[in-house]
């Protein structure tokens, strides 16, 4: 029986980009959604037998669209995969060890070009993983000796920054940590960060969202992470970040965002209800019966406790908003700390132009 050669339109039937992505994400609790998606795309490229550059780019685009469609909240995933595709295209015009630049050539030369693209893809993943530690090394200098830092739970890059500052013998600080409810996918990361900080002799107070305003009188700065940094310099992050920004602004407290550059996304939301996802946080009903039936339907469809981190993240509805996100506009943000340095919100659009054009 003859087996058709895999192409961009007809990839290897045994390769499942969604299950590969979820496997990679579950294998490393420190891995972010965009980096896991990029690793899955590199595997897709390695498993394919496409024979032209055009087919390679079509393959990446096809798998990217499948990944986005499989995730109710694909904002951070989209940022990473779109940037990765742009990086691969730019790679074709860069000088390499092949001699000159990689460019569209005869089909018999494609094997060398494909190997170069694979190598470049793996290098991109390595740099994306290393960006968190670069941010931590650079961002720790924003925490002054004796300061009290307010942050919210679940951000891995914020956790890395605080741990790096805790390891410094010259910085003594305290942390007020807004922990997510136990049903949230961010809860485990938040509790782990709190335990790590306390193990480094950093005093940590944990509070619910409702205690943020009460706590601001003791706070010197606010540091949060982001699922996506959008074109106008605002951020999309876990629900509650926006109100932290509003309260910090009202009290004159600096509000810093730490985010890797692969989370810069080409979106321009104007309000909370302009995000490209349907969260159903406001679920208007006329009776309690509607709410009860909705809760029963959710639990019957899929047990949240049995979900992996990626699947749990997608369960955003009026009855389960623990993993929802909101939009924090740029006027509330003091600075965005990346692996390349500190950006003002107004400089984000310029940075995106550099990346994409």
Protein backbone atom coordinates (compact mmCIF):
# COMPACT_ATOMS: atom_id res chain seq x y z
CA UNK A 1 0.00 0.00 0.00
CA UNK A 2 1.47 3.33 -1.07
CA UNK A 3 1.68 6.10 1.52
CA UNK A 4 1.26 9.63 0.24
CA UNK A 5 4.07 12.04 0.91
CA UNK A 6 3.06 14.44 3.71
CA UNK A 7 2.52 18.04 2.65
CA UNK A 8 1.34 21.24 4.31
CA UNK A 9 -2.25 20.37 3.39
CA UNK A 10 -1.86 16.67 4.26
CA UNK A 11 0.63 16.32 7.12
CA UNK A 12 1.67 13.06 8.73
CA UNK A 13 -1.55 11.43 10.00
CA UNK A 14 0.18 10.28 13.18
CA UNK A 15 1.19 13.82 14.20
CA UNK A 16 -1.32 15.68 16.36
CA UNK A 17 -0.24 19.27 17.02
CA UNK A 18 -2.75 19.79 19.86
CA UNK A 19 -1.81 16.65 21.80
CA UNK A 20 1.88 17.41 21.21
CA UNK A 21 1.40 20.92 22.58
CA UNK A 22 -0.45 19.64 25.66
CA UNK A 23 2.16 16.95 26.26
CA UNK A 24 4.98 19.51 26.15
CA UNK A 25 3.06 21.89 28.43
CA UNK A 26 2.32 19.14 30.96
CA UNK A 27 5.91 17.85 30.94
CA UNK A 28 7.36 21.07 32.39
CA UNK A 29 5.38 23.09 34.96
CA UNK A 30 7.63 26.11 34.36
CA UNK A 31 6.87 26.21 30.63
CA UNK A 32 4.63 29.00 29.35
CA UNK A 33 1.90 28.52 26.75
CA UNK A 34 3.67 30.39 23.90
CA UNK A 35 6.96 28.53 24.38
CA UNK A 36 5.15 25.16 24.51
CA UNK A 37 3.33 26.08 21.30
CA UNK A 38 6.59 27.02 19.59
CA UNK A 39 8.18 23.72 20.67
CA UNK A 40 5.18 21.89 19.23
CA UNK A 41 5.62 23.73 15.91
CA UNK A 42 9.30 22.76 15.82
CA UNK A 43 8.27 19.11 16.32
CA UNK A 44 5.68 19.45 13.55
CA UNK A 45 8.38 20.73 11.23
CA UNK A 46 10.73 17.90 12.24
CA UNK A 47 8.05 15.24 11.60
CA UNK A 48 7.00 16.62 8.22
CA UNK A 49 8.42 15.80 4.80
CA UNK A 50 7.59 19.03 3.00
CA UNK A 51 9.81 19.72 0.02
CA UNK A 52 9.64 23.50 -0.47
CA UNK A 53 9.88 26.61 1.65
CA UNK A 54 6.34 27.61 0.65
CA UNK A 55 5.00 24.29 1.94
CA UNK A 56 7.00 24.69 5.15
CA UNK A 57 5.45 28.09 5.86
CA UNK A 58 1.99 26.74 4.99
CA UNK A 59 2.54 23.86 7.39
CA UNK A 60 3.47 26.22 10.22
CA UNK A 61 0.48 28.45 9.51
CA UNK A 62 -1.91 25.49 9.37
CA UNK A 63 -0.72 24.05 12.69
CA UNK A 64 -0.76 27.50 14.28
CA UNK A 65 -4.40 27.96 13.30
CA UNK A 66 -5.26 24.53 14.74
CA UNK A 67 -3.60 25.42 18.03
CA UNK A 68 -5.41 28.75 18.26
CA UNK A 69 -8.76 27.12 17.50
CA UNK A 70 -8.20 24.51 20.23
CA UNK A 71 -7.75 27.11 22.98
CA UNK A 72 -10.61 29.37 24.14
CA UNK A 73 -8.02 31.90 25.34
CA UNK A 74 -5.25 31.85 22.69
CA UNK A 75 -3.85 35.34 23.36
CA UNK A 76 -0.43 34.42 24.77
CA UNK A 77 -0.22 31.38 22.49
CA UNK A 78 -0.90 33.59 19.46
CA UNK A 79 1.82 36.03 20.48
CA UNK A 80 4.44 33.27 20.55
CA UNK A 81 3.40 31.38 17.43
CA UNK A 82 2.97 34.50 15.29
CA UNK A 83 6.37 35.80 16.36
CA UNK A 84 7.91 32.40 15.68
CA UNK A 85 6.54 32.36 12.13
CA UNK A 86 7.89 35.86 11.57
CA UNK A 87 11.26 34.75 12.92
CA UNK A 88 11.35 31.78 10.55
CA UNK A 89 10.58 34.00 7.58
CA UNK A 90 13.27 36.48 8.63
CA UNK A 91 15.72 33.59 9.00
CA UNK A 92 15.49 32.94 5.27
CA UNK A 93 17.15 36.27 4.57
CA UNK A 94 19.97 36.09 7.11
CA UNK A 95 23.58 35.09 6.34
CA UNK A 96 24.28 31.51 7.39
CA UNK A 97 27.00 28.90 7.33
CA UNK A 98 25.46 27.62 4.10
CA UNK A 99 27.09 30.52 2.33
CA UNK A 100 25.28 33.77 1.63
CA UNK A 101 21.66 33.97 2.71
CA UNK A 102 19.01 31.29 2.86
CA UNK A 103 16.61 31.95 0.01
CA UNK A 104 14.20 30.24 -2.31
CA UNK A 105 16.25 27.76 -4.30
CA UNK A 106 16.10 24.47 -6.22
CA UNK A 107 14.24 21.61 -4.56
CA UNK A 108 17.42 19.53 -4.26
CA UNK A 109 18.86 22.21 -1.95
CA UNK A 110 15.83 22.24 0.32
CA UNK A 111 17.16 19.61 2.72
CA UNK A 112 19.94 21.96 3.83
CA UNK A 113 17.47 24.84 4.11
CA UNK A 114 15.04 22.72 6.13
CA UNK A 115 17.80 21.67 8.53
CA UNK A 116 18.73 25.32 8.93
CA UNK A 117 15.12 26.23 9.74
CA UNK A 118 14.92 23.43 12.29
CA UNK A 119 18.13 24.61 13.92
CA UNK A 120 16.86 28.20 13.96
CA UNK A 121 13.56 27.07 15.49
CA UNK A 122 15.33 25.25 18.31
CA UNK A 123 17.52 28.30 18.91
CA UNK A 124 14.40 30.48 19.13
CA UNK A 125 12.95 28.14 21.79
CA UNK A 126 16.19 28.22 23.81
CA UNK A 127 16.26 32.02 23.74
CA UNK A 128 12.59 32.21 24.73
CA UNK A 129 13.22 29.94 27.72
CA UNK A 130 16.28 31.95 28.76
CA UNK A 131 14.42 35.28 28.59
CA UNK A 132 12.75 34.69 31.98
CA UNK A 133 16.08 34.45 33.76
CA UNK A 134 17.38 37.53 31.94
CA UNK A 135 14.34 39.48 33.12
CA UNK A 136 14.86 38.20 36.67
CA UNK A 137 18.52 39.28 36.67
CA UNK A 138 17.69 42.70 35.30
CA UNK A 139 14.40 43.32 37.10
CA UNK A 140 15.64 42.53 40.60
CA UNK A 141 17.33 45.95 40.66
CA UNK A 142 13.88 47.59 40.66
CA UNK A 143 13.25 46.20 44.15
CA UNK A 144 14.79 48.56 46.65
CA UNK A 145 16.09 47.52 50.03
CA UNK A 146 13.28 47.70 52.58
CA UNK A 147 10.53 47.80 49.96
CA UNK A 148 7.15 46.07 50.13
CA UNK A 149 6.05 44.59 46.81
CA UNK A 150 2.46 43.79 45.86
CA UNK A 151 1.92 41.14 43.22
CA UNK A 152 -0.77 38.70 42.12
CA UNK A 153 -0.46 34.93 41.88
CA UNK A 154 0.44 32.71 38.98
CA UNK A 155 3.07 34.62 36.98
CA UNK A 156 6.21 32.51 36.53
CA UNK A 157 8.36 35.44 35.43
CA UNK A 158 7.31 37.49 38.49
CA UNK A 159 8.15 34.50 40.66
CA UNK A 160 11.59 34.21 39.05
CA UNK A 161 12.27 37.93 39.57
CA UNK A 162 11.26 37.83 43.24
CA UNK A 163 13.31 34.69 43.88
CA UNK A 164 16.36 36.27 42.24
CA UNK A 165 15.96 39.37 44.41
CA UNK A 166 15.58 37.13 47.48
CA UNK A 167 18.90 35.45 46.67
CA UNK A 168 20.68 38.80 46.81
CA UNK A 169 22.30 39.53 50.16
CA UNK A 170 21.94 43.29 49.64
CA UNK A 171 18.15 43.41 49.15
CA UNK A 172 15.72 42.91 52.01
CA UNK A 173 12.08 43.24 51.08
CA UNK A 174 8.58 42.04 51.88
CA UNK A 175 5.87 40.72 49.58
CA UNK A 176 2.11 41.00 49.68
CA UNK A 177 0.87 38.20 47.44
CA UNK A 178 -2.66 38.14 46.01
CA UNK A 179 -3.43 34.44 45.77
CA UNK A 180 -5.99 32.99 43.40
CA UNK A 181 -8.74 30.70 44.76
CA UNK A 182 -7.77 27.04 44.99
CA UNK A 183 -9.85 26.27 41.87
CA UNK A 184 -7.63 28.47 39.72
CA UNK A 185 -4.84 27.11 37.55
CA UNK A 186 -2.67 29.96 38.88
CA UNK A 187 -3.09 28.83 42.49
CA UNK A 188 -0.36 26.17 42.45
CA UNK A 189 2.26 28.53 40.99
CA UNK A 190 1.33 31.22 43.50
CA UNK A 191 1.60 28.92 46.51
CA UNK A 192 4.93 27.57 45.24
CA UNK A 193 6.35 31.07 44.82
CA UNK A 194 5.20 32.02 48.33
CA UNK A 195 6.86 28.88 49.75
CA UNK A 196 10.11 29.62 47.86
CA UNK A 197 10.23 33.22 49.08
CA UNK A 198 9.63 32.20 52.68
CA UNK A 199 12.36 29.58 52.32
CA UNK A 200 14.66 32.51 51.41
CA UNK A 201 13.59 34.34 54.60
CA UNK A 202 11.40 36.83 52.72
CA UNK A 203 8.35 37.83 54.79
CA UNK A 204 5.22 37.17 52.71
CA UNK A 205 1.60 38.08 53.47
CA UNK A 206 -1.06 36.36 51.36
CA UNK A 207 -4.34 38.16 50.70
CA UNK A 208 -7.47 37.71 48.56
CA UNK A 209 -8.43 40.12 45.77
CA UNK A 210 -10.81 41.94 48.10
CA UNK A 211 -7.93 43.07 50.36
CA UNK A 212 -5.87 44.85 47.67
CA UNK A 213 -7.14 48.37 48.44
CA UNK A 214 -6.73 47.78 52.17
CA UNK A 215 -3.10 46.71 51.69
CA UNK A 216 -1.94 49.55 49.44
CA UNK A 217 -0.97 51.77 52.36
CA UNK A 218 1.91 49.35 53.08
CA UNK A 219 2.95 48.94 49.43
CA UNK A 220 5.90 50.64 47.70
CA UNK A 221 5.43 49.14 44.23
CA UNK A 222 3.27 46.72 42.27
CA UNK A 223 4.83 44.10 39.98
CA UNK A 224 2.65 41.89 37.76
CA UNK A 225 3.07 39.54 34.82
CA UNK A 226 1.10 39.42 31.58
CA UNK A 227 -0.36 36.92 29.16
CA UNK A 228 0.04 39.44 26.38
CA UNK A 229 1.44 42.94 25.82
CA UNK A 230 -0.72 44.65 23.20
CA UNK A 231 0.09 47.31 20.60
CA UNK A 232 -1.05 50.32 22.62
CA UNK A 233 1.22 49.34 25.54
CA UNK A 234 -1.51 47.84 27.70
CA UNK A 235 -1.48 44.27 28.97
CA UNK A 236 -3.83 41.32 29.11
CA UNK A 237 -3.42 39.46 32.37
CA UNK A 238 -5.34 37.44 34.94
CA UNK A 239 -8.64 38.90 36.15
CA UNK A 240 -8.04 41.43 38.90
CA UNK A 241 -4.88 42.97 37.43
CA UNK A 242 -6.86 45.90 36.03
CA UNK A 243 -8.30 46.81 39.43
CA UNK A 244 -4.81 46.55 40.95
CA UNK A 245 -3.62 49.03 38.32
CA UNK A 246 -6.50 51.42 39.04
CA UNK A 247 -5.91 51.29 42.78
CA UNK A 248 -2.12 51.71 42.41
CA UNK A 249 -2.65 54.74 40.17
CA UNK A 250 -5.04 56.33 42.66
CA UNK A 251 -2.44 55.96 45.42
CA UNK A 252 0.55 57.02 43.32
CA UNK A 253 2.25 53.62 43.50
CA UNK A 254 4.47 52.54 40.54
CA UNK A 255 2.93 49.68 38.58
CA UNK A 256 5.48 47.56 36.71
CA UNK A 257 4.86 44.74 34.25
CA UNK A 258 7.39 41.98 33.60
CA UNK A 259 6.92 40.14 30.31
CA UNK A 260 9.02 38.25 27.79
CA UNK A 261 9.17 39.72 24.28
CA UNK A 262 7.48 36.63 22.84
CA UNK A 263 4.33 37.78 24.64
CA UNK A 264 4.07 40.93 22.52
CA UNK A 265 0.89 40.44 20.53
CA UNK A 266 -0.63 42.31 17.60
CA UNK A 267 -3.89 43.32 19.24
CA UNK A 268 -5.31 46.76 19.93
CA UNK A 269 -8.13 46.41 22.48
CA UNK A 270 -9.93 49.59 23.52
CA UNK A 271 -11.85 48.22 26.50
CA UNK A 272 -12.49 45.14 28.63
CA UNK A 273 -15.08 43.97 26.13
CA UNK A 274 -12.83 44.32 23.10
CA UNK A 275 -10.75 41.17 23.72
CA UNK A 276 -10.80 38.42 21.05
CA UNK A 277 -12.14 35.82 23.51
CA UNK A 278 -15.56 35.02 24.91
CA UNK A 279 -15.25 34.71 28.68
CA UNK A 280 -18.89 35.21 29.72
CA UNK A 281 -17.84 36.76 32.99
CA UNK A 282 -21.07 38.75 33.11
CA UNK A 283 -23.72 36.06 32.86
CA UNK A 284 -27.13 37.67 33.39
CA UNK A 285 -29.93 35.34 34.50
CA UNK A 286 -33.46 35.80 35.83
CA UNK A 287 -33.47 32.90 38.29
CA UNK A 288 -31.14 30.75 40.38
CA UNK A 289 -32.34 27.69 38.44
CA UNK A 290 -30.47 28.89 35.33
CA UNK A 291 -27.26 29.22 37.33
CA UNK A 292 -27.61 25.79 38.94
CA UNK A 293 -28.28 24.07 35.63
CA UNK A 294 -25.25 25.81 34.12
CA UNK A 295 -23.04 24.62 36.96
CA UNK A 296 -24.33 21.08 36.61
CA UNK A 297 -23.71 21.14 32.89
CA UNK A 298 -20.14 22.34 33.39
CA UNK A 299 -19.34 19.61 35.91
CA UNK A 300 -20.94 16.95 33.74
CA UNK A 301 -19.05 18.01 30.64
CA UNK A 302 -15.60 17.91 32.23
CA UNK A 303 -14.24 17.86 35.77
CA UNK A 304 -12.10 20.92 36.30
CA UNK A 305 -10.00 19.11 38.90
CA UNK A 306 -8.93 16.56 36.29
CA UNK A 307 -7.76 19.10 33.70
CA UNK A 308 -4.16 19.82 32.84
CA UNK A 309 -2.99 23.46 33.28
CA UNK A 310 -3.79 24.36 29.67
CA UNK A 311 -7.31 22.91 29.77
CA UNK A 312 -8.02 24.40 33.17
CA UNK A 313 -6.97 27.82 31.83
CA UNK A 314 -9.67 27.58 29.16
CA UNK A 315 -12.55 27.16 31.62
CA UNK A 316 -13.60 30.83 31.76
CA UNK A 317 -17.31 31.42 32.22
CA UNK A 318 -19.73 33.29 34.42
CA UNK A 319 -19.63 30.40 36.89
CA UNK A 320 -15.86 29.95 36.86
CA UNK A 321 -13.95 33.20 36.44
CA UNK A 322 -10.85 32.21 38.37
CA UNK A 323 -8.87 31.75 35.15
CA UNK A 324 -10.31 34.70 33.24
CA UNK A 325 -8.29 37.71 32.10
CA UNK A 326 -8.75 41.46 31.87
CA UNK A 327 -7.17 44.39 30.02
CA UNK A 328 -5.03 46.94 31.84
CA UNK A 329 -4.66 50.13 29.74
CA UNK A 330 -1.25 51.75 29.22
CA UNK A 331 -1.96 54.87 31.28
CA UNK A 332 -1.87 52.75 34.45
CA UNK A 333 1.53 51.18 33.67
CA UNK A 334 4.80 52.75 34.84
CA UNK A 335 7.09 50.52 32.80
CA UNK A 336 7.37 47.15 31.08
CA UNK A 337 10.44 45.12 32.04
CA UNK A 338 11.61 42.76 29.27
CA UNK A 339 14.78 40.78 28.62
CA UNK A 340 15.94 43.66 26.39
CA UNK A 341 15.39 46.41 28.94
CA UNK A 342 12.61 48.62 30.25
CA UNK A 343 10.01 49.98 27.86
CA UNK A 344 7.48 52.70 28.40
CA UNK A 345 4.00 51.69 27.23
CA UNK A 346 4.26 54.17 24.35
CA UNK A 347 7.38 52.34 23.08
CA UNK A 348 5.61 49.00 22.66
CA UNK A 349 4.23 49.84 19.22
CA UNK A 350 7.72 50.82 18.07
CA UNK A 351 9.08 47.53 19.42
CA UNK A 352 6.41 45.59 17.53
CA UNK A 353 7.33 47.45 14.34
CA UNK A 354 10.95 46.36 14.81
CA UNK A 355 9.85 42.76 15.28
CA UNK A 356 7.38 42.57 12.42
CA UNK A 357 8.70 45.01 9.85
